[in-house]
Protein backbone atom coordinates (compact mmCIF):
# COMPACT_ATOMS: atom_id res chain seq x y z
CA MET A 1 75.48 90.05 109.84
CA ARG A 2 76.88 93.30 110.95
CA PHE A 3 75.05 96.81 110.76
CA GLN A 4 76.84 100.05 110.55
CA VAL A 5 75.47 102.82 112.22
CA CYS A 6 75.26 106.10 110.06
CA ASN A 7 76.68 109.03 112.35
CA ALA A 8 75.23 112.39 111.50
CA ASP A 9 78.55 113.93 111.47
CA VAL A 10 79.36 111.99 108.17
CA MET A 11 80.19 114.42 105.28
CA ALA A 12 79.85 113.90 101.59
CA TYR A 13 82.98 114.43 99.75
CA PHE A 14 83.44 113.16 95.98
CA LEU A 15 86.77 112.22 94.35
CA GLU A 16 87.02 112.94 90.69
CA TYR A 17 89.96 111.32 88.42
CA THR A 18 90.26 110.04 85.12
CA VAL A 19 91.06 106.37 83.98
CA PRO A 20 93.54 106.55 81.19
CA THR A 21 93.27 104.64 78.16
CA ASP A 22 95.18 101.04 77.82
CA ALA A 23 98.33 100.55 75.59
CA ASP A 24 96.18 100.51 72.74
CA GLY A 25 94.72 104.04 73.47
CA SER A 26 91.08 103.08 74.05
CA ILE A 27 88.70 102.09 76.89
CA ALA A 28 85.93 99.73 75.73
CA PHE A 29 82.77 99.53 77.91
CA PRO A 30 79.41 98.11 77.54
CA VAL A 31 76.28 100.64 77.77
CA SER A 32 73.27 98.66 79.01
CA GLU A 33 70.19 100.00 80.92
CA GLN A 34 69.46 96.60 81.93
CA GLU A 35 72.68 96.58 83.73
CA ARG A 36 73.19 99.88 85.02
CA GLY A 37 75.44 100.07 87.94
CA TYR A 38 77.38 97.07 87.29
CA THR A 39 80.45 95.90 85.78
CA VAL A 40 79.69 93.83 82.93
CA PRO A 41 82.58 91.81 81.31
CA LEU A 42 82.35 92.59 77.61
CA THR A 43 82.54 88.91 76.39
CA GLN A 44 79.18 88.50 78.58
CA THR A 45 77.02 91.10 76.89
CA ASP A 46 75.52 92.09 73.58
CA ALA A 47 75.10 95.58 74.80
CA GLU A 48 76.05 98.49 72.42
CA VAL A 49 80.21 98.88 73.25
CA VAL A 50 81.54 102.44 73.29
CA GLN A 51 85.21 103.42 72.76
CA SER A 52 86.50 106.07 74.61
CA GLU A 53 90.19 107.65 74.98
CA GLU A 54 89.28 108.43 78.95
CA LEU A 55 87.22 107.61 81.44
CA PRO A 56 85.86 110.36 83.74
CA VAL A 57 84.90 109.16 87.48
CA ARG A 58 83.38 111.09 90.37
CA THR A 59 82.57 108.57 93.31
CA SER A 60 81.09 109.45 96.75
CA ILE A 61 83.38 108.92 99.89
CA LEU A 62 81.63 109.58 103.25
CA GLY A 63 84.01 110.75 106.16
CA SER A 64 83.55 112.36 109.30
CA SER A 65 86.78 114.55 108.46
CA ILE A 66 88.82 115.66 105.54
CA ALA A 67 91.78 113.61 106.51
CA GLU A 68 89.29 110.42 106.56
CA ALA A 69 88.06 111.42 103.06
CA LYS A 70 91.94 112.06 101.75
CA ALA A 71 92.72 108.31 103.29
CA GLU A 72 89.80 106.72 101.50
CA ALA A 73 90.36 108.80 98.39
CA GLU A 74 94.17 107.44 98.18
CA GLU A 75 93.09 103.91 98.61
CA ILE A 76 90.81 104.36 95.68
CA LEU A 77 93.51 106.14 93.55
CA ARG A 78 95.87 103.53 94.39
CA HIS A 79 93.65 100.62 93.13
CA SER A 80 92.97 102.77 89.75
CA LYS A 81 95.38 103.70 86.97
CA ALA A 82 94.74 107.32 87.69
CA GLU A 83 97.70 109.30 89.25
CA THR A 84 96.07 112.10 90.08
CA GLY A 85 92.34 113.30 91.60
CA LEU A 86 90.33 116.21 92.89
CA LEU A 87 88.69 116.14 96.09
CA TYR A 88 85.31 117.96 96.72
CA ASP A 89 83.06 118.68 99.50
CA ASP A 90 79.72 118.59 98.05
CA PRO A 91 76.72 118.81 100.44
CA SER A 92 74.32 118.46 97.58
CA ASP A 93 75.29 114.69 96.60
CA SER A 94 75.57 116.25 92.98
CA THR A 95 76.83 113.70 90.19
CA GLN A 96 77.80 116.93 88.17
CA THR A 97 81.56 117.14 87.42
CA GLY A 98 83.43 120.12 89.41
CA SER A 99 80.41 120.24 91.79
CA GLY A 100 80.83 121.63 95.25
CA GLU A 101 83.89 122.95 96.79
CA LEU A 102 87.47 121.73 95.80
CA VAL A 103 89.30 121.23 98.94
CA ALA A 104 92.47 119.35 98.01
CA LYS A 105 94.35 118.16 94.77
CA PHE A 106 96.05 114.85 94.95
CA GLY A 107 99.32 114.28 92.56
CA GLN A 108 102.78 112.75 92.72
CA SER A 109 103.78 114.81 95.60
CA GLY A 110 100.75 114.02 97.69
CA TRP A 111 97.64 116.18 98.87
CA GLU A 112 97.70 120.00 98.05
CA GLU A 113 95.14 121.93 99.92
CA GLN A 114 93.01 124.41 98.27
């Protein structure tokens, strides 16, 4: 078993991006307080299903520097359908959209400092 030691110099960054719709123009996902925080396949739940045109995401990224946070954010964006993202420095660890200081934007041409 491996344990990772937490460094006091690690900062809380947050990446915000939007997952676009599939070809049919919507995203379907179950809403269930019992399965909160887990991905549940639609075929395996009888929970209410919500249709949406897009899915906004705010996820935390731990990094000791902005360069480290950007590298992790790029990895997340590369594995999502999103083409753009906003990187925030937010010491309050808020889940509110836009919370914290916007430090960089990611787009087709890479990172743009703010």
